[in-house]
Amino acid sequence: TPGVKPSVTKQPFRILPLDIYPSAVNTLLDALEVFAAPEPIEGYTCPKLHQPVTASKRTKVERFPPFVAFHLCRFRFDPYTATLTKIRKNISFPLTLKVPKFLYAGIDSPDDLVLYAVLNHHGTSTDKGHYTCFVRLSMMEWVYCDDSSVRPTTVEEIRDIGKDAYMLF
């Protein structure tokens, strides 16, 4: 619309909540695409033109913090049963994420994001379950933490946890 300019709101963050419910979301990259996709704003009236206009909003990252967490939103309100349900689908994720252009709004190319930990929620409901964690000790060494037990693990075991991965650090 002539005379209408985009507006920008800058907001610091440490956690990106990612919707994994859509059927097209099967990977971390898919979830980031949904996160960064334009969303229509219904009923927006332009303050300059004083009339309704087609508007949308989208989220992009100008600069990543030194430490970022991706929250895979596994719990969803079911309006038919009026309860929270767990989304138990596999979401694959890389050990190193090259930040996609559709998500990035900065000038310089961002550094790749290296995965340092995966927090897992085991269980089928929102009010019960068990948390475990994979932690990277070095570029080639990972451990699995389960209550007071810590043991070495493999990259293959980390990749197999996709249906229980809850937060990626």
N, C-alpha and C. Protein backbone atom coordinates (compact mmCIF):
# COMPACT_ATOMS: atom_id res chain seq x y z
N THR A 1 0.85 -1.17 0.00
CA THR A 1 0.00 0.00 0.00
C THR A 1 0.89 1.23 0.00
N PRO A 2 0.63 2.21 -0.88
CA PRO A 2 1.46 3.41 -0.93
C PRO A 2 1.43 4.16 0.41
N GLY A 3 2.57 4.66 0.82
CA GLY A 3 2.66 5.44 2.05
C GLY A 3 2.79 4.62 3.32
N VAL A 4 2.75 3.31 3.20
CA VAL A 4 2.86 2.44 4.37
C VAL A 4 4.26 1.84 4.41
N LYS A 5 4.93 2.00 5.53
CA LYS A 5 6.30 1.49 5.68
C LYS A 5 6.30 0.30 6.62
N PRO A 6 7.25 -0.60 6.42
CA PRO A 6 7.39 -1.69 7.38
C PRO A 6 7.88 -1.13 8.72
N SER A 7 7.47 -1.75 9.80
CA SER A 7 7.98 -1.35 11.11
C SER A 7 8.80 -2.51 11.67
N VAL A 8 9.74 -2.18 12.53
CA VAL A 8 10.62 -3.18 13.10
C VAL A 8 10.60 -3.02 14.62
N THR A 9 10.42 -4.12 15.31
CA THR A 9 10.51 -4.13 16.76
C THR A 9 11.65 -5.07 17.12
N LYS A 10 12.61 -4.56 17.86
CA LYS A 10 13.74 -5.40 18.28
C LYS A 10 13.50 -5.88 19.70
N GLN A 11 13.76 -7.16 19.91
CA GLN A 11 13.52 -7.76 21.21
C GLN A 11 14.60 -8.80 21.50
N PRO A 12 15.31 -8.67 22.63
CA PRO A 12 16.31 -9.69 22.95
C PRO A 12 15.64 -11.02 23.31
N PHE A 13 16.36 -12.10 23.10
CA PHE A 13 15.80 -13.42 23.38
C PHE A 13 16.90 -14.38 23.76
N ARG A 14 16.53 -15.46 24.39
CA ARG A 14 17.43 -16.58 24.68
C ARG A 14 16.80 -17.90 24.27
N ILE A 15 15.47 -17.91 24.17
CA ILE A 15 14.74 -19.13 23.82
C ILE A 15 13.83 -18.83 22.63
N LEU A 16 13.85 -19.71 21.64
CA LEU A 16 12.91 -19.61 20.52
C LEU A 16 11.90 -20.74 20.66
N PRO A 17 10.63 -20.42 20.93
CA PRO A 17 9.60 -21.46 20.99
C PRO A 17 9.20 -21.87 19.58
N LEU A 18 9.26 -23.15 19.27
CA LEU A 18 9.00 -23.62 17.91
C LEU A 18 7.79 -24.55 17.88
N ASP A 19 6.82 -24.21 17.05
CA ASP A 19 5.60 -25.01 16.89
C ASP A 19 5.93 -26.23 16.04
N ILE A 20 5.75 -27.41 16.60
CA ILE A 20 6.01 -28.64 15.85
C ILE A 20 4.73 -29.37 15.48
N TYR A 21 3.58 -28.76 15.79
CA TYR A 21 2.30 -29.41 15.53
C TYR A 21 1.97 -29.58 14.04
N PRO A 22 2.24 -28.57 13.18
CA PRO A 22 1.87 -28.73 11.76
C PRO A 22 2.45 -30.02 11.16
N SER A 23 1.66 -30.67 10.32
CA SER A 23 2.10 -31.95 9.75
C SER A 23 3.36 -31.80 8.89
N ALA A 24 3.60 -30.61 8.36
CA ALA A 24 4.79 -30.39 7.52
C ALA A 24 6.07 -30.24 8.35
N VAL A 25 5.96 -30.16 9.66
CA VAL A 25 7.13 -29.98 10.51
C VAL A 25 7.64 -31.35 10.96
N ASN A 26 8.82 -31.71 10.44
CA ASN A 26 9.47 -32.98 10.80
C ASN A 26 10.93 -32.80 11.20
N THR A 27 11.43 -31.58 11.01
CA THR A 27 12.83 -31.29 11.33
C THR A 27 12.91 -29.94 12.04
N LEU A 28 14.04 -29.68 12.65
CA LEU A 28 14.27 -28.38 13.26
C LEU A 28 14.16 -27.28 12.21
N LEU A 29 14.70 -27.52 11.03
CA LEU A 29 14.63 -26.52 9.96
C LEU A 29 13.17 -26.23 9.57
N ASP A 30 12.33 -27.27 9.48
CA ASP A 30 10.90 -27.07 9.20
C ASP A 30 10.26 -26.17 10.26
N ALA A 31 10.57 -26.44 11.53
CA ALA A 31 10.00 -25.65 12.62
C ALA A 31 10.48 -24.20 12.56
N LEU A 32 11.73 -23.99 12.17
CA LEU A 32 12.24 -22.63 12.02
C LEU A 32 11.55 -21.91 10.87
N GLU A 33 11.22 -22.64 9.81
CA GLU A 33 10.47 -22.03 8.70
C GLU A 33 9.09 -21.56 9.15
N VAL A 34 8.40 -22.38 9.93
CA VAL A 34 7.10 -21.99 10.46
C VAL A 34 7.25 -20.78 11.37
N PHE A 35 8.29 -20.77 12.20
CA PHE A 35 8.55 -19.66 13.11
C PHE A 35 8.75 -18.35 12.35
N ALA A 36 9.46 -18.40 11.23
CA ALA A 36 9.81 -17.19 10.48
C ALA A 36 8.81 -16.82 9.38
N ALA A 37 7.80 -17.65 9.17
CA ALA A 37 6.83 -17.39 8.09
C ALA A 37 5.98 -16.16 8.41
N PRO A 38 5.64 -15.37 7.39
CA PRO A 38 4.75 -14.22 7.62
C PRO A 38 3.38 -14.68 8.13
N GLU A 39 2.85 -13.94 9.09
CA GLU A 39 1.53 -14.22 9.63
C GLU A 39 0.62 -13.04 9.29
N PRO A 40 -0.55 -13.28 8.71
CA PRO A 40 -1.46 -12.17 8.41
C PRO A 40 -2.01 -11.55 9.70
N ILE A 41 -2.20 -10.25 9.68
CA ILE A 41 -2.82 -9.55 10.79
C ILE A 41 -4.20 -9.11 10.32
N GLU A 42 -5.22 -9.72 10.89
CA GLU A 42 -6.60 -9.43 10.49
C GLU A 42 -7.07 -8.11 11.10
N GLY A 43 -7.82 -7.34 10.32
CA GLY A 43 -8.47 -6.14 10.84
C GLY A 43 -7.53 -5.01 11.19
N TYR A 44 -6.35 -4.95 10.58
CA TYR A 44 -5.40 -3.88 10.88
C TYR A 44 -5.79 -2.62 10.13
N THR A 45 -5.85 -1.51 10.85
CA THR A 45 -6.14 -0.21 10.25
C THR A 45 -4.87 0.61 10.27
N CYS A 46 -4.47 1.10 9.12
CA CYS A 46 -3.26 1.90 9.00
C CYS A 46 -3.48 3.24 9.70
N PRO A 47 -2.59 3.61 10.64
CA PRO A 47 -2.77 4.88 11.34
C PRO A 47 -2.58 6.11 10.45
N LYS A 48 -1.84 5.94 9.34
CA LYS A 48 -1.64 7.06 8.41
C LYS A 48 -2.83 7.23 7.47
N LEU A 49 -3.30 6.11 6.94
CA LEU A 49 -4.38 6.15 5.95
C LEU A 49 -5.77 6.09 6.58
N HIS A 50 -5.84 5.69 7.84
CA HIS A 50 -7.12 5.54 8.55
C HIS A 50 -8.09 4.63 7.83
N GLN A 51 -7.55 3.56 7.27
CA GLN A 51 -8.38 2.56 6.61
C GLN A 51 -7.74 1.19 6.74
N PRO A 52 -8.55 0.15 6.63
CA PRO A 52 -7.98 -1.21 6.73
C PRO A 52 -7.00 -1.48 5.59
N VAL A 53 -5.91 -2.16 5.94
CA VAL A 53 -4.92 -2.56 4.93
C VAL A 53 -4.54 -4.01 5.19
N THR A 54 -3.98 -4.63 4.16
CA THR A 54 -3.45 -5.98 4.31
C THR A 54 -2.12 -5.86 5.04
N ALA A 55 -2.00 -6.53 6.16
CA ALA A 55 -0.77 -6.45 6.94
C ALA A 55 -0.34 -7.84 7.37
N SER A 56 0.94 -7.97 7.62
CA SER A 56 1.46 -9.23 8.14
C SER A 56 2.63 -8.93 9.05
N LYS A 57 2.98 -9.93 9.86
CA LYS A 57 4.16 -9.81 10.71
C LYS A 57 5.00 -11.06 10.53
N ARG A 58 6.28 -10.90 10.76
CA ARG A 58 7.18 -12.05 10.70
C ARG A 58 8.32 -11.82 11.67
N THR A 59 8.94 -12.91 12.05
CA THR A 59 10.05 -12.84 12.99
C THR A 59 11.33 -13.27 12.29
N LYS A 60 12.35 -12.44 12.45
CA LYS A 60 13.68 -12.76 11.95
C LYS A 60 14.68 -12.44 13.05
N VAL A 61 15.85 -13.01 12.96
CA VAL A 61 16.88 -12.82 13.97
C VAL A 61 17.97 -11.93 13.39
N GLU A 62 18.24 -10.83 14.09
CA GLU A 62 19.31 -9.93 13.65
C GLU A 62 20.67 -10.39 14.17
N ARG A 63 20.67 -10.89 15.41
CA ARG A 63 21.91 -11.36 16.02
C ARG A 63 21.55 -12.44 17.03
N PHE A 64 22.21 -13.57 16.94
CA PHE A 64 21.97 -14.64 17.90
C PHE A 64 22.75 -14.35 19.18
N PRO A 65 22.16 -14.66 20.32
CA PRO A 65 22.92 -14.51 21.57
C PRO A 65 24.01 -15.58 21.61
N PRO A 66 24.96 -15.45 22.54
CA PRO A 66 26.03 -16.45 22.61
C PRO A 66 25.50 -17.85 22.90
N PHE A 67 24.33 -17.90 23.55
CA PHE A 67 23.74 -19.18 23.93
C PHE A 67 22.25 -19.10 23.62
N VAL A 68 21.74 -20.01 22.80
CA VAL A 68 20.32 -19.97 22.43
C VAL A 68 19.71 -21.36 22.65
N ALA A 69 18.45 -21.38 23.04
CA ALA A 69 17.73 -22.64 23.22
C ALA A 69 16.55 -22.67 22.26
N PHE A 70 16.36 -23.80 21.61
CA PHE A 70 15.18 -24.03 20.77
C PHE A 70 14.22 -24.90 21.57
N HIS A 71 13.04 -24.36 21.86
CA HIS A 71 12.03 -25.09 22.63
C HIS A 71 11.07 -25.74 21.63
N LEU A 72 11.11 -27.05 21.53
CA LEU A 72 10.19 -27.78 20.66
C LEU A 72 8.88 -27.92 21.43
N CYS A 73 7.89 -27.14 21.07
CA CYS A 73 6.63 -27.06 21.82
C CYS A 73 5.84 -28.36 21.63
N ARG A 74 6.02 -29.29 22.53
CA ARG A 74 5.42 -30.63 22.44
C ARG A 74 4.07 -30.73 23.10
N PHE A 75 3.62 -29.71 23.80
CA PHE A 75 2.34 -29.79 24.50
C PHE A 75 1.37 -28.83 23.84
N ARG A 76 0.17 -29.33 23.57
CA ARG A 76 -0.82 -28.55 22.83
C ARG A 76 -2.18 -28.72 23.49
N PHE A 77 -2.93 -27.63 23.55
CA PHE A 77 -4.27 -27.68 24.11
C PHE A 77 -5.22 -28.28 23.08
N ASP A 78 -5.96 -29.29 23.49
CA ASP A 78 -6.96 -29.93 22.64
C ASP A 78 -8.33 -29.36 23.00
N PRO A 79 -8.92 -28.53 22.13
CA PRO A 79 -10.20 -27.90 22.48
C PRO A 79 -11.36 -28.89 22.58
N TYR A 80 -11.24 -30.07 21.97
CA TYR A 80 -12.33 -31.05 22.03
C TYR A 80 -12.38 -31.75 23.38
N THR A 81 -11.22 -32.00 23.96
CA THR A 81 -11.19 -32.68 25.26
C THR A 81 -10.88 -31.71 26.40
N ALA A 82 -10.54 -30.46 26.06
CA ALA A 82 -10.17 -29.43 27.04
C ALA A 82 -8.98 -29.88 27.90
N THR A 83 -8.03 -30.57 27.26
CA THR A 83 -6.85 -31.04 27.97
C THR A 83 -5.59 -30.71 27.16
N LEU A 84 -4.46 -30.78 27.83
CA LEU A 84 -3.18 -30.68 27.14
C LEU A 84 -2.78 -32.06 26.66
N THR A 85 -2.27 -32.14 25.45
CA THR A 85 -1.78 -33.41 24.93
C THR A 85 -0.33 -33.24 24.49
N LYS A 86 0.40 -34.33 24.49
CA LYS A 86 1.79 -34.30 24.06
C LYS A 86 1.87 -34.68 22.59
N ILE A 87 2.64 -33.92 21.84
CA ILE A 87 2.89 -34.20 20.43
C ILE A 87 4.09 -35.15 20.38
N ARG A 88 3.83 -36.39 20.05
CA ARG A 88 4.88 -37.43 20.10
C ARG A 88 5.37 -37.78 18.69
N LYS A 89 5.80 -36.80 17.96
CA LYS A 89 6.33 -37.08 16.62
C LYS A 89 7.83 -36.85 16.61
N ASN A 90 8.49 -37.54 15.72
CA ASN A 90 9.93 -37.43 15.60
C ASN A 90 10.29 -36.09 14.95
N ILE A 91 11.18 -35.35 15.57
CA ILE A 91 11.72 -34.12 15.01
C ILE A 91 13.23 -34.31 14.91
N SER A 92 13.74 -34.36 13.69
CA SER A 92 15.18 -34.54 13.54
C SER A 92 15.87 -33.18 13.61
N PHE A 93 17.11 -33.20 14.05
CA PHE A 93 17.87 -31.96 14.23
C PHE A 93 19.34 -32.24 13.97
N PRO A 94 20.06 -31.26 13.43
CA PRO A 94 21.49 -31.46 13.17
C PRO A 94 22.32 -31.17 14.42
N LEU A 95 23.53 -31.68 14.45
CA LEU A 95 24.44 -31.37 15.54
C LEU A 95 25.07 -29.98 15.36
N THR A 96 25.08 -29.50 14.12
CA THR A 96 25.52 -28.15 13.80
C THR A 96 24.51 -27.57 12.83
N LEU A 97 23.97 -26.40 13.17
CA LEU A 97 22.94 -25.76 12.33
C LEU A 97 23.54 -24.57 11.61
N LYS A 98 23.52 -24.62 10.30
CA LYS A 98 23.86 -23.45 9.50
C LYS A 98 22.60 -22.60 9.45
N VAL A 99 22.67 -21.39 9.98
CA VAL A 99 21.48 -20.55 10.10
C VAL A 99 20.93 -20.25 8.72
N PRO A 100 19.65 -20.61 8.46
CA PRO A 100 19.07 -20.38 7.14
C PRO A 100 18.80 -18.89 6.88
N LYS A 101 18.93 -18.49 5.62
CA LYS A 101 18.74 -17.08 5.24
C LYS A 101 17.34 -16.57 5.58
N PHE A 102 16.31 -17.42 5.49
CA PHE A 102 14.96 -16.96 5.76
C PHE A 102 14.76 -16.55 7.22
N LEU A 103 15.65 -16.97 8.10
CA LEU A 103 15.53 -16.65 9.53
C LEU A 103 16.39 -15.46 9.93
N TYR A 104 17.39 -15.17 9.13
CA TYR A 104 18.41 -14.20 9.54
C TYR A 104 18.20 -12.85 8.88
N ALA A 105 18.25 -11.77 9.70
CA ALA A 105 18.07 -10.42 9.18
C ALA A 105 19.31 -9.56 9.37
N GLY A 106 20.38 -10.13 9.87
CA GLY A 106 21.59 -9.37 10.14
C GLY A 106 22.39 -9.09 8.88
N ILE A 107 23.43 -8.31 9.05
CA ILE A 107 24.28 -7.93 7.91
C ILE A 107 25.33 -8.99 7.64
N ASP A 108 26.08 -9.36 8.67
CA ASP A 108 27.12 -10.38 8.52
C ASP A 108 26.51 -11.77 8.64
N SER A 109 27.12 -12.74 8.00
CA SER A 109 26.64 -14.11 8.14
C SER A 109 26.85 -14.57 9.57
N PRO A 110 25.83 -15.21 10.15
CA PRO A 110 26.00 -15.68 11.53
C PRO A 110 26.88 -16.92 11.57
N ASP A 111 27.47 -17.15 12.73
CA ASP A 111 28.23 -18.38 12.93
C ASP A 111 27.26 -19.55 12.94
N ASP A 112 27.75 -20.73 12.59
CA ASP A 112 26.94 -21.93 12.73
C ASP A 112 26.62 -22.13 14.21
N LEU A 113 25.45 -22.67 14.49
CA LEU A 113 25.04 -22.94 15.87
C LEU A 113 25.36 -24.39 16.18
N VAL A 114 26.18 -24.62 17.18
CA VAL A 114 26.60 -25.96 17.56
C VAL A 114 25.72 -26.44 18.70
N LEU A 115 25.21 -27.65 18.57
CA LEU A 115 24.37 -28.25 19.60
C LEU A 115 25.24 -28.70 20.77
N TYR A 116 24.86 -28.27 21.98
CA TYR A 116 25.63 -28.62 23.18
C TYR A 116 24.86 -29.52 24.13
N ALA A 117 23.52 -29.51 24.03
CA ALA A 117 22.74 -30.35 24.93
C ALA A 117 21.35 -30.56 24.34
N VAL A 118 20.74 -31.69 24.70
CA VAL A 118 19.37 -32.01 24.31
C VAL A 118 18.64 -32.45 25.58
N LEU A 119 17.62 -31.69 25.96
CA LEU A 119 16.78 -32.05 27.10
C LEU A 119 15.60 -32.85 26.56
N ASN A 120 15.34 -33.99 27.16
CA ASN A 120 14.29 -34.90 26.68
C ASN A 120 13.18 -35.03 27.72
N HIS A 121 11.95 -35.14 27.23
CA HIS A 121 10.81 -35.45 28.11
C HIS A 121 10.28 -36.81 27.67
N HIS A 122 10.38 -37.81 28.56
CA HIS A 122 9.87 -39.15 28.28
C HIS A 122 8.51 -39.27 28.95
N GLY A 123 7.56 -39.79 28.23
CA GLY A 123 6.22 -39.96 28.78
C GLY A 123 5.19 -39.50 27.77
N THR A 124 3.95 -39.84 28.02
CA THR A 124 2.90 -39.53 27.05
C THR A 124 1.97 -38.41 27.49
N SER A 125 2.12 -37.93 28.72
CA SER A 125 1.19 -36.90 29.18
C SER A 125 1.95 -35.68 29.69
N THR A 126 1.19 -34.62 29.96
CA THR A 126 1.80 -33.37 30.40
C THR A 126 2.02 -33.35 31.90
N ASP A 127 1.33 -34.18 32.65
CA ASP A 127 1.46 -34.14 34.10
C ASP A 127 2.33 -35.26 34.66
N LYS A 128 2.85 -36.09 33.79
CA LYS A 128 3.75 -37.17 34.21
C LYS A 128 4.88 -37.26 33.20
N GLY A 129 5.93 -37.89 33.60
CA GLY A 129 7.04 -38.08 32.68
C GLY A 129 8.36 -38.02 33.41
N HIS A 130 9.40 -38.12 32.63
CA HIS A 130 10.75 -38.18 33.18
C HIS A 130 11.65 -37.38 32.25
N TYR A 131 12.55 -36.62 32.82
CA TYR A 131 13.48 -35.82 32.03
C TYR A 131 14.87 -36.44 32.05
N THR A 132 15.50 -36.46 30.89
CA THR A 132 16.90 -36.87 30.75
C THR A 132 17.59 -35.84 29.87
N CYS A 133 18.90 -35.98 29.74
CA CYS A 133 19.63 -34.99 28.95
C CYS A 133 20.87 -35.60 28.32
N PHE A 134 21.13 -35.21 27.08
CA PHE A 134 22.41 -35.50 26.43
C PHE A 134 23.25 -34.24 26.54
N VAL A 135 24.52 -34.38 26.90
CA VAL A 135 25.40 -33.22 27.06
C VAL A 135 26.69 -33.48 26.29
N ARG A 136 27.08 -32.47 25.51
CA ARG A 136 28.34 -32.57 24.76
C ARG A 136 29.49 -32.15 25.67
N LEU A 137 30.47 -33.02 25.85
CA LEU A 137 31.65 -32.70 26.65
C LEU A 137 32.76 -32.10 25.79
N SER A 138 32.85 -32.57 24.54
CA SER A 138 33.82 -32.05 23.58
C SER A 138 33.21 -32.26 22.20
N MET A 139 33.90 -31.87 21.17
CA MET A 139 33.32 -32.00 19.83
C MET A 139 32.99 -33.44 19.47
N MET A 140 33.68 -34.40 20.08
CA MET A 140 33.47 -35.81 19.74
C MET A 140 32.90 -36.63 20.90
N GLU A 141 32.68 -36.02 22.07
CA GLU A 141 32.28 -36.80 23.23
C GLU A 141 30.97 -36.28 23.83
N TRP A 142 30.01 -37.21 23.97
CA TRP A 142 28.71 -36.91 24.56
C TRP A 142 28.46 -37.85 25.73
N VAL A 143 27.65 -37.37 26.70
CA VAL A 143 27.20 -38.23 27.80
C VAL A 143 25.68 -38.13 27.89
N TYR A 144 25.09 -39.18 28.46
CA TYR A 144 23.65 -39.24 28.71
C TYR A 144 23.44 -39.16 30.22
N CYS A 145 22.62 -38.21 30.66
CA CYS A 145 22.37 -37.98 32.09
C CYS A 145 20.94 -38.40 32.40
N ASP A 146 20.80 -39.27 33.38
CA ASP A 146 19.49 -39.77 33.80
C ASP A 146 19.51 -39.87 35.33
N ASP A 147 18.93 -38.87 35.98
CA ASP A 147 18.97 -38.77 37.44
C ASP A 147 20.42 -38.80 37.90
N SER A 148 20.82 -39.77 38.71
CA SER A 148 22.19 -39.79 39.23
C SER A 148 23.13 -40.59 38.33
N SER A 149 22.63 -41.09 37.22
CA SER A 149 23.44 -41.90 36.31
C SER A 149 23.93 -41.05 35.13
N VAL A 150 25.22 -41.15 34.87
CA VAL A 150 25.83 -40.49 33.71
C VAL A 150 26.68 -41.53 33.00
N ARG A 151 26.44 -41.66 31.68
CA ARG A 151 27.20 -42.65 30.92
C ARG A 151 27.56 -42.08 29.55
N PRO A 152 28.62 -42.57 28.94
CA PRO A 152 28.95 -42.13 27.57
C PRO A 152 27.84 -42.54 26.61
N THR A 153 27.67 -41.78 25.55
CA THR A 153 26.66 -42.11 24.55
C THR A 153 27.20 -41.84 23.15
N THR A 154 26.39 -42.15 22.17
CA THR A 154 26.79 -41.98 20.77
C THR A 154 25.90 -40.96 20.07
N VAL A 155 26.40 -40.45 18.98
CA VAL A 155 25.61 -39.53 18.16
C VAL A 155 24.35 -40.23 17.65
N GLU A 156 24.45 -41.52 17.35
CA GLU A 156 23.29 -42.27 16.87
C GLU A 156 22.18 -42.30 17.92
N GLU A 157 22.54 -42.47 19.18
CA GLU A 157 21.53 -42.48 20.24
C GLU A 157 20.86 -41.11 20.35
N ILE A 158 21.64 -40.05 20.18
CA ILE A 158 21.08 -38.69 20.24
C ILE A 158 20.10 -38.49 19.08
N ARG A 159 20.46 -38.93 17.90
CA ARG A 159 19.57 -38.77 16.74
C ARG A 159 18.30 -39.60 16.88
N ASP A 160 18.35 -40.69 17.61
CA ASP A 160 17.17 -41.55 17.81
C ASP A 160 16.17 -41.00 18.81
N ILE A 161 16.52 -39.94 19.53
CA ILE A 161 15.66 -39.43 20.60
C ILE A 161 14.62 -38.43 20.05
N GLY A 162 14.56 -38.22 18.76
CA GLY A 162 13.73 -37.20 18.13
C GLY A 162 12.30 -37.05 18.62
N LYS A 163 11.65 -38.13 19.06
CA LYS A 163 10.25 -38.01 19.51
C LYS A 163 10.15 -37.51 20.94
N ASP A 164 11.24 -37.53 21.68
CA ASP A 164 11.24 -37.05 23.07
C ASP A 164 12.04 -35.77 23.26
N ALA A 165 12.81 -35.34 22.25
CA ALA A 165 13.59 -34.11 22.38
C ALA A 165 12.65 -32.95 22.68
N TYR A 166 12.97 -32.19 23.70
CA TYR A 166 12.08 -31.12 24.18
C TYR A 166 12.74 -29.75 24.05
N MET A 167 14.03 -29.68 24.37
CA MET A 167 14.77 -28.43 24.20
C MET A 167 16.15 -28.75 23.64
N LEU A 168 16.58 -27.91 22.71
CA LEU A 168 17.90 -28.06 22.09
C LEU A 168 18.73 -26.84 22.48
N PHE A 169 19.90 -27.07 23.02
CA PHE A 169 20.76 -25.97 23.44
C PHE A 169 22.04 -25.95 22.60
